[in-house]
Amino acid sequence: MLAWLTYVLFALLALMYVHSLVECARTPSARIRCLPKPLWLLFMLWAPVLGSLAWTYFGRLPEQQETVGSGPAAESGAEQPIRA
């Protein structure tokens, strides 16, 4: 039973590591904070678990959630411009 849990934990950590590496490589440089992208990748290669956790919580800026069609103008049927 303990061996089975060890394999599951290892598989979850490996999945998290690969996901973080791919996500870091695909994230535009404008959305990365704290370190440049090559340093994030090196940190994740050097310390896989710690690097993946750091990337998840500190590496990228959150996506801005802009809703189109909300507010008083949407009720009247007028289109709102999307602001960047």
PDB file of N, CA and C in Angstrom:
ATOM      1  N   MET A   1       0.819  -1.193   0.000  1.00  0.00           N
ATOM      2  CA  MET A   1       0.000   0.000   0.000  1.00  0.00           C
ATOM      3  C   MET A   1       0.863   1.258   0.000  1.00  0.00           C
ATOM      4  N   LEU A   2       1.914   1.246   0.797  1.00  0.00           N
ATOM      5  CA  LEU A   2       2.783   2.411   0.870  1.00  0.00           C
ATOM      6  C   LEU A   2       3.530   2.628  -0.446  1.00  0.00           C
ATOM      7  N   ALA A   3       3.931   1.560  -1.089  1.00  0.00           N
ATOM      8  CA  ALA A   3       4.617   1.686  -2.379  1.00  0.00           C
ATOM      9  C   ALA A   3       3.695   2.299  -3.413  1.00  0.00           C
ATOM     10  N   TRP A   4       2.421   1.937  -3.404  1.00  0.00           N
ATOM     11  CA  TRP A   4       1.461   2.483  -4.341  1.00  0.00           C
ATOM     12  C   TRP A   4       1.310   3.990  -4.148  1.00  0.00           C
ATOM     13  N   LEU A   5       1.219   4.432  -2.889  1.00  0.00           N
ATOM     14  CA  LEU A   5       1.112   5.865  -2.602  1.00  0.00           C
ATOM     15  C   LEU A   5       2.375   6.616  -3.032  1.00  0.00           C
ATOM     16  N   THR A   6       3.522   5.983  -2.894  1.00  0.00           N
ATOM     17  CA  THR A   6       4.777   6.602  -3.321  1.00  0.00           C
ATOM     18  C   THR A   6       4.780   6.817  -4.829  1.00  0.00           C
ATOM     19  N   TYR A   7       4.312   5.832  -5.572  1.00  0.00           N
ATOM     20  CA  TYR A   7       4.253   5.973  -7.035  1.00  0.00           C
ATOM     21  C   TYR A   7       3.269   7.055  -7.460  1.00  0.00           C
ATOM     22  N   VAL A   8       2.157   7.149  -6.777  1.00  0.00           N
ATOM     23  CA  VAL A   8       1.162   8.176  -7.099  1.00  0.00           C
ATOM     24  C   VAL A   8       1.728   9.563  -6.809  1.00  0.00           C
ATOM     25  N   LEU A   9       2.384   9.713  -5.673  1.00  0.00           N
ATOM     26  CA  LEU A   9       2.988  10.999  -5.326  1.00  0.00           C
ATOM     27  C   LEU A   9       4.072  11.380  -6.338  1.00  0.00           C
ATOM     28  N   PHE A  10       4.898  10.439  -6.721  1.00  0.00           N
ATOM     29  CA  PHE A  10       5.941  10.692  -7.710  1.00  0.00           C
ATOM     30  C   PHE A  10       5.325  11.091  -9.051  1.00  0.00           C
ATOM     31  N   ALA A  11       4.265  10.426  -9.453  1.00  0.00           N
ATOM     32  CA  ALA A  11       3.605  10.753 -10.722  1.00  0.00           C
ATOM     33  C   ALA A  11       3.001  12.151 -10.681  1.00  0.00           C
ATOM     34  N   LEU A  12       2.391  12.530  -9.566  1.00  0.00           N
ATOM     35  CA  LEU A  12       1.825  13.871  -9.439  1.00  0.00           C
ATOM     36  C   LEU A  12       2.910  14.946  -9.476  1.00  0.00           C
ATOM     37  N   LEU A  13       4.014  14.699  -8.798  1.00  0.00           N
ATOM     38  CA  LEU A  13       5.116  15.658  -8.822  1.00  0.00           C
ATOM     39  C   LEU A  13       5.721  15.783 -10.218  1.00  0.00           C
ATOM     40  N   ALA A  14       5.866  14.668 -10.916  1.00  0.00           N
ATOM     41  CA  ALA A  14       6.400  14.705 -12.281  1.00  0.00           C
ATOM     42  C   ALA A  14       5.452  15.449 -13.207  1.00  0.00           C
ATOM     43  N   LEU A  15       4.162  15.237 -13.048  1.00  0.00           N
ATOM     44  CA  LEU A  15       3.174  15.938 -13.866  1.00  0.00           C
ATOM     45  C   LEU A  15       3.208  17.438 -13.600  1.00  0.00           C
ATOM     46  N   MET A  16       3.304  17.825 -12.338  1.00  0.00           N
ATOM     47  CA  MET A  16       3.391  19.238 -11.987  1.00  0.00           C
ATOM     48  C   MET A  16       4.660  19.861 -12.570  1.00  0.00           C
ATOM     49  N   TYR A  17       5.758  19.142 -12.524  1.00  0.00           N
ATOM     50  CA  TYR A  17       7.039  19.633 -13.033  1.00  0.00           C
ATOM     51  C   TYR A  17       6.981  19.853 -14.542  1.00  0.00           C
ATOM     52  N   VAL A  18       6.482  18.883 -15.271  1.00  0.00           N
ATOM     53  CA  VAL A  18       6.403  19.008 -16.730  1.00  0.00           C
ATOM     54  C   VAL A  18       5.442  20.122 -17.112  1.00  0.00           C
ATOM     55  N   HIS A  19       4.310  20.220 -16.428  1.00  0.00           N
ATOM     56  CA  HIS A  19       3.341  21.287 -16.705  1.00  0.00           C
ATOM     57  C   HIS A  19       3.966  22.658 -16.477  1.00  0.00           C
ATOM     58  N   SER A  20       4.703  22.831 -15.394  1.00  0.00           N
ATOM     59  CA  SER A  20       5.335  24.117 -15.111  1.00  0.00           C
ATOM     60  C   SER A  20       6.394  24.473 -16.144  1.00  0.00           C
ATOM     61  N   LEU A  21       7.182  23.498 -16.565  1.00  0.00           N
ATOM     62  CA  LEU A  21       8.190  23.759 -17.590  1.00  0.00           C
ATOM     63  C   LEU A  21       7.550  24.202 -18.903  1.00  0.00           C
ATOM     64  N   VAL A  22       6.526  23.496 -19.330  1.00  0.00           N
ATOM     65  CA  VAL A  22       5.855  23.840 -20.587  1.00  0.00           C
ATOM     66  C   VAL A  22       5.166  25.191 -20.471  1.00  0.00           C
ATOM     67  N   GLU A  23       4.527  25.437 -19.355  1.00  0.00           N
ATOM     68  CA  GLU A  23       3.837  26.711 -19.158  1.00  0.00           C
ATOM     69  C   GLU A  23       4.831  27.874 -19.145  1.00  0.00           C
ATOM     70  N   CYS A  24       5.964  27.692 -18.518  1.00  0.00           N
ATOM     71  CA  CYS A  24       6.986  28.741 -18.502  1.00  0.00           C
ATOM     72  C   CYS A  24       7.515  28.994 -19.903  1.00  0.00           C
ATOM     73  N   ALA A  25       7.753  27.953 -20.648  1.00  0.00           N
ATOM     74  CA  ALA A  25       8.283  28.110 -22.001  1.00  0.00           C
ATOM     75  C   ALA A  25       7.281  28.787 -22.924  1.00  0.00           C
ATOM     76  N   ARG A  26       5.994  28.581 -22.698  1.00  0.00           N
ATOM     77  CA  ARG A  26       4.971  29.141 -23.577  1.00  0.00           C
ATOM     78  C   ARG A  26       4.464  30.506 -23.138  1.00  0.00           C
ATOM     79  N   THR A  27       4.769  30.938 -21.931  1.00  0.00           N
ATOM     80  CA  THR A  27       4.287  32.222 -21.430  1.00  0.00           C
ATOM     81  C   THR A  27       5.050  33.366 -22.088  1.00  0.00           C
ATOM     82  N   PRO A  28       4.339  34.385 -22.589  1.00  0.00           N
ATOM     83  CA  PRO A  28       5.031  35.544 -23.162  1.00  0.00           C
ATOM     84  C   PRO A  28       5.869  36.265 -22.100  1.00  0.00           C
ATOM     85  N   SER A  29       6.977  36.830 -22.533  1.00  0.00           N
ATOM     86  CA  SER A  29       7.892  37.494 -21.596  1.00  0.00           C
ATOM     87  C   SER A  29       7.237  38.652 -20.857  1.00  0.00           C
ATOM     88  N   ALA A  30       6.227  39.259 -21.456  1.00  0.00           N
ATOM     89  CA  ALA A  30       5.562  40.389 -20.807  1.00  0.00           C
ATOM     90  C   ALA A  30       4.765  39.973 -19.575  1.00  0.00           C
ATOM     91  N   ARG A  31       4.397  38.710 -19.466  1.00  0.00           N
ATOM     92  CA  ARG A  31       3.608  38.237 -18.328  1.00  0.00           C
ATOM     93  C   ARG A  31       4.446  37.582 -17.244  1.00  0.00           C
ATOM     94  N   ILE A  32       5.763  37.608 -17.367  1.00  0.00           N
ATOM     95  CA  ILE A  32       6.641  36.971 -16.380  1.00  0.00           C
ATOM     96  C   ILE A  32       7.167  38.030 -15.424  1.00  0.00           C
ATOM     97  N   ARG A  33       7.153  37.700 -14.139  1.00  0.00           N
ATOM     98  CA  ARG A  33       7.648  38.653 -13.148  1.00  0.00           C
ATOM     99  C   ARG A  33       8.787  38.030 -12.340  1.00  0.00           C
ATOM    100  N   CYS A  34       9.486  38.837 -11.618  1.00  0.00           N
ATOM    101  CA  CYS A  34      10.565  38.477 -10.686  1.00  0.00           C
ATOM    102  C   CYS A  34      11.882  38.104 -11.372  1.00  0.00           C
ATOM    103  N   LEU A  35      11.877  37.249 -12.368  1.00  0.00           N
ATOM    104  CA  LEU A  35      13.098  36.809 -13.046  1.00  0.00           C
ATOM    105  C   LEU A  35      12.836  36.719 -14.547  1.00  0.00           C
ATOM    106  N   PRO A  36      13.884  36.823 -15.361  1.00  0.00           N
ATOM    107  CA  PRO A  36      13.705  36.560 -16.790  1.00  0.00           C
ATOM    108  C   PRO A  36      13.379  35.076 -17.031  1.00  0.00           C
ATOM    109  N   LYS A  37      12.769  34.803 -18.172  1.00  0.00           N
ATOM    110  CA  LYS A  37      12.334  33.442 -18.486  1.00  0.00           C
ATOM    111  C   LYS A  37      13.469  32.417 -18.446  1.00  0.00           C
ATOM    112  N   PRO A  38      14.661  32.696 -19.013  1.00  0.00           N
ATOM    113  CA  PRO A  38      15.730  31.682 -18.932  1.00  0.00           C
ATOM    114  C   PRO A  38      16.133  31.335 -17.497  1.00  0.00           C
ATOM    115  N   LEU A  39      16.119  32.320 -16.610  1.00  0.00           N
ATOM    116  CA  LEU A  39      16.452  32.025 -15.209  1.00  0.00           C
ATOM    117  C   LEU A  39      15.370  31.189 -14.535  1.00  0.00           C
ATOM    118  N   TRP A  40      14.102  31.427 -14.882  1.00  0.00           N
ATOM    119  CA  TRP A  40      13.034  30.585 -14.344  1.00  0.00           C
ATOM    120  C   TRP A  40      13.219  29.149 -14.806  1.00  0.00           C
ATOM    121  N   LEU A  41      13.543  28.968 -16.089  1.00  0.00           N
ATOM    122  CA  LEU A  41      13.737  27.610 -16.600  1.00  0.00           C
ATOM    123  C   LEU A  41      14.931  26.936 -15.934  1.00  0.00           C
ATOM    124  N   LEU A  42      16.026  27.674 -15.744  1.00  0.00           N
ATOM    125  CA  LEU A  42      17.190  27.103 -15.061  1.00  0.00           C
ATOM    126  C   LEU A  42      16.866  26.754 -13.604  1.00  0.00           C
ATOM    127  N   PHE A  43      16.114  27.605 -12.947  1.00  0.00           N
ATOM    128  CA  PHE A  43      15.734  27.335 -11.562  1.00  0.00           C
ATOM    129  C   PHE A  43      14.868  26.083 -11.477  1.00  0.00           C
ATOM    130  N   MET A  44      13.967  25.910 -12.442  1.00  0.00           N
ATOM    131  CA  MET A  44      13.122  24.716 -12.438  1.00  0.00           C
ATOM    132  C   MET A  44      13.920  23.463 -12.773  1.00  0.00           C
ATOM    133  N   LEU A  45      14.955  23.595 -13.587  1.00  0.00           N
ATOM    134  CA  LEU A  45      15.802  22.434 -13.877  1.00  0.00           C
ATOM    135  C   LEU A  45      16.694  22.087 -12.690  1.00  0.00           C
ATOM    136  N   TRP A  46      17.135  23.106 -11.949  1.00  0.00           N
ATOM    137  CA  TRP A  46      18.023  22.901 -10.813  1.00  0.00           C
ATOM    138  C   TRP A  46      17.266  22.350  -9.602  1.00  0.00           C
ATOM    139  N   ALA A  47      16.082  22.905  -9.331  1.00  0.00           N
ATOM    140  CA  ALA A  47      15.274  22.462  -8.184  1.00  0.00           C
ATOM    141  C   ALA A  47      13.851  22.218  -8.684  1.00  0.00           C
ATOM    142  N   PRO A  48      13.564  21.030  -9.173  1.00  0.00           N
ATOM    143  CA  PRO A  48      12.281  20.786  -9.863  1.00  0.00           C
ATOM    144  C   PRO A  48      11.034  21.088  -9.034  1.00  0.00           C
ATOM    145  N   VAL A  49      10.944  20.578  -7.827  1.00  0.00           N
ATOM    146  CA  VAL A  49       9.728  20.764  -7.043  1.00  0.00           C
ATOM    147  C   VAL A  49       9.618  22.204  -6.558  1.00  0.00           C
ATOM    148  N   LEU A  50      10.669  22.729  -5.975  1.00  0.00           N
ATOM    149  CA  LEU A  50      10.653  24.102  -5.488  1.00  0.00           C
ATOM    150  C   LEU A  50      10.492  25.084  -6.643  1.00  0.00           C
ATOM    151  N   GLY A  51      11.168  24.831  -7.750  1.00  0.00           N
ATOM    152  CA  GLY A  51      11.048  25.699  -8.913  1.00  0.00           C
ATOM    153  C   GLY A  51       9.653  25.707  -9.492  1.00  0.00           C
ATOM    154  N   SER A  52       9.017  24.544  -9.549  1.00  0.00           N
ATOM    155  CA  SER A  52       7.648  24.466 -10.070  1.00  0.00           C
ATOM    156  C   SER A  52       6.668  25.200  -9.166  1.00  0.00           C
ATOM    157  N   LEU A  53       6.833  25.035  -7.863  1.00  0.00           N
ATOM    158  CA  LEU A  53       5.955  25.751  -6.932  1.00  0.00           C
ATOM    159  C   LEU A  53       6.191  27.262  -6.998  1.00  0.00           C
ATOM    160  N   ALA A  54       7.450  27.674  -7.081  1.00  0.00           N
ATOM    161  CA  ALA A  54       7.754  29.104  -7.170  1.00  0.00           C
ATOM    162  C   ALA A  54       7.192  29.691  -8.463  1.00  0.00           C
ATOM    163  N   TRP A  55       7.313  28.966  -9.569  1.00  0.00           N
ATOM    164  CA  TRP A  55       6.770  29.457 -10.833  1.00  0.00           C
ATOM    165  C   TRP A  55       5.246  29.601 -10.747  1.00  0.00           C
ATOM    166  N   THR A  56       4.601  28.623 -10.138  1.00  0.00           N
ATOM    167  CA  THR A  56       3.148  28.656 -10.048  1.00  0.00           C
ATOM    168  C   THR A  56       2.661  29.857  -9.251  1.00  0.00           C
ATOM    169  N   TYR A  57       3.336  30.192  -8.162  1.00  0.00           N
ATOM    170  CA  TYR A  57       2.851  31.250  -7.293  1.00  0.00           C
ATOM    171  C   TYR A  57       3.501  32.614  -7.520  1.00  0.00           C
ATOM    172  N   PHE A  58       4.739  32.655  -8.035  1.00  0.00           N
ATOM    173  CA  PHE A  58       5.443  33.929  -8.158  1.00  0.00           C
ATOM    174  C   PHE A  58       5.928  34.245  -9.567  1.00  0.00           C
ATOM    175  N   GLY A  59       5.837  33.328 -10.487  1.00  0.00           N
ATOM    176  CA  GLY A  59       6.481  33.495 -11.784  1.00  0.00           C
ATOM    177  C   GLY A  59       5.729  34.271 -12.823  1.00  0.00           C
ATOM    178  N   ARG A  60       4.413  34.145 -12.841  1.00  0.00           N
ATOM    179  CA  ARG A  60       3.673  34.792 -13.910  1.00  0.00           C
ATOM    180  C   ARG A  60       2.624  35.729 -13.340  1.00  0.00           C
ATOM    181  N   LEU A  61       2.333  36.750 -14.112  1.00  0.00           N
ATOM    182  CA  LEU A  61       1.286  37.677 -13.726  1.00  0.00           C
ATOM    183  C   LEU A  61      -0.065  37.033 -14.004  1.00  0.00           C
ATOM    184  N   PRO A  62      -1.050  37.315 -13.178  1.00  0.00           N
ATOM    185  CA  PRO A  62      -2.373  36.741 -13.448  1.00  0.00           C
ATOM    186  C   PRO A  62      -2.978  37.347 -14.707  1.00  0.00           C
ATOM    187  N   GLU A  63      -3.801  36.552 -15.382  1.00  0.00           N
ATOM    188  CA  GLU A  63      -4.474  37.054 -16.573  1.00  0.00           C
ATOM    189  C   GLU A  63      -5.514  38.072 -16.157  1.00  0.00           C
ATOM    190  N   GLN A  64      -5.623  39.129 -16.956  1.00  0.00           N
ATOM    191  CA  GLN A  64      -6.628  40.134 -16.668  1.00  0.00           C
ATOM    192  C   GLN A  64      -7.951  39.661 -17.230  1.00  0.00           C
ATOM    193  N   GLN A  65      -8.935  39.604 -16.377  1.00  0.00           N
ATOM    194  CA  GLN A  65     -10.262  39.156 -16.783  1.00  0.00           C
ATOM    195  C   GLN A  65     -11.071  40.365 -17.226  1.00  0.00           C
ATOM    196  N   GLU A  66     -11.225  40.525 -18.534  1.00  0.00           N
ATOM    197  CA  GLU A  66     -12.049  41.606 -19.057  1.00  0.00           C
ATOM    198  C   GLU A  66     -13.314  40.997 -19.623  1.00  0.00           C
ATOM    199  N   THR A  67     -14.431  41.499 -19.163  1.00  0.00           N
ATOM    200  CA  THR A  67     -15.689  40.990 -19.664  1.00  0.00           C
ATOM    201  C   THR A  67     -16.230  41.958 -20.701  1.00  0.00           C
ATOM    202  N   VAL A  68     -16.569  41.427 -21.824  1.00  0.00           N
ATOM    203  CA  VAL A  68     -17.165  42.229 -22.880  1.00  0.00           C
ATOM    204  C   VAL A  68     -18.666  42.107 -22.737  1.00  0.00           C
ATOM    205  N   GLY A  69     -19.330  43.232 -22.784  1.00  0.00           N
ATOM    206  CA  GLY A  69     -20.782  43.190 -22.714  1.00  0.00           C
ATOM    207  C   GLY A  69     -21.325  43.278 -21.313  1.00  0.00           C
ATOM    208  N   SER A  70     -20.615  43.908 -20.405  1.00  0.00           N
ATOM    209  CA  SER A  70     -21.139  44.089 -19.060  1.00  0.00           C
ATOM    210  C   SER A  70     -21.269  45.576 -18.778  1.00  0.00           C
ATOM    211  N   GLY A  71     -22.148  45.927 -17.909  1.00  0.00           N
ATOM    212  CA  GLY A  71     -22.333  47.310 -17.543  1.00  0.00           C
ATOM    213  C   GLY A  71     -23.584  47.899 -18.173  1.00  0.00           C
ATOM    214  N   PRO A  72     -23.805  49.211 -17.964  1.00  0.00           N
ATOM    215  CA  PRO A  72     -25.044  49.834 -18.437  1.00  0.00           C
ATOM    216  C   PRO A  72     -25.134  49.906 -19.961  1.00  0.00           C
ATOM    217  N   ALA A  73     -24.018  50.051 -20.649  1.00  0.00           N
ATOM    218  CA  ALA A  73     -24.059  50.139 -22.112  1.00  0.00           C
ATOM    219  C   ALA A  73     -24.462  48.811 -22.731  1.00  0.00           C
ATOM    220  N   ALA A  74     -24.143  47.704 -22.074  1.00  0.00           N
ATOM    221  CA  ALA A  74     -24.496  46.389 -22.600  1.00  0.00           C
ATOM    222  C   ALA A  74     -26.001  46.174 -22.526  1.00  0.00           C
ATOM    223  N   GLU A  75     -26.628  46.748 -21.513  1.00  0.00           N
ATOM    224  CA  GLU A  75     -28.072  46.598 -21.386  1.00  0.00           C
ATOM    225  C   GLU A  75     -28.812  47.344 -22.477  1.00  0.00           C
ATOM    226  N   SER A  76     -28.228  48.464 -22.941  1.00  0.00           N
ATOM    227  CA  SER A  76     -28.885  49.239 -23.986  1.00  0.00           C
ATOM    228  C   SER A  76     -28.572  48.709 -25.376  1.00  0.00           C
ATOM    229  N   GLY A  77     -27.645  47.772 -25.493  1.00  0.00           N
ATOM    230  CA  GLY A  77     -27.320  47.190 -26.790  1.00  0.00           C
ATOM    231  C   GLY A  77     -26.109  47.827 -27.447  1.00  0.00           C
ATOM    232  N   ALA A  78     -25.512  48.836 -26.847  1.00  0.00           N
ATOM    233  CA  ALA A  78     -24.334  49.492 -27.424  1.00  0.00           C
ATOM    234  C   ALA A  78     -23.102  48.659 -27.125  1.00  0.00           C
ATOM    235  N   GLU A  79     -22.176  48.641 -28.077  1.00  0.00           N
ATOM    236  CA  GLU A  79     -20.943  47.885 -27.888  1.00  0.00           C
ATOM    237  C   GLU A  79     -19.929  48.726 -27.130  1.00  0.00           C
ATOM    238  N   GLN A  80     -19.174  48.071 -26.256  1.00  0.00           N
ATOM    239  CA  GLN A  80     -18.129  48.757 -25.507  1.00  0.00           C
ATOM    240  C   GLN A  80     -16.780  48.402 -26.122  1.00  0.00           C
ATOM    241  N   PRO A  81     -15.884  49.392 -26.245  1.00  0.00           N
ATOM    242  CA  PRO A  81     -14.543  49.047 -26.722  1.00  0.00           C
ATOM    243  C   PRO A  81     -13.771  48.308 -25.640  1.00  0.00           C
ATOM    244  N   ILE A  82     -12.913  47.395 -26.062  1.00  0.00           N
ATOM    245  CA  ILE A  82     -12.056  46.647 -25.135  1.00  0.00           C
ATOM    246  C   ILE A  82     -10.817  47.476 -24.891  1.00  0.00           C
ATOM    247  N   ARG A  83     -10.527  47.749 -23.631  1.00  0.00           N
ATOM    248  CA  ARG A  83      -9.343  48.538 -23.281  1.00  0.00           C
ATOM    249  C   ARG A  83      -8.210  47.617 -22.901  1.00  0.00           C
ATOM    250  N   ALA A  84      -7.024  47.957 -23.402  1.00  0.00           N
ATOM    251  CA  ALA A  84      -5.875  47.122 -23.096  1.00  0.00           C
ATOM    252  C   ALA A  84      -5.065  47.695 -21.986  1.00  0.00           C
TER     253      ALA A  84
END
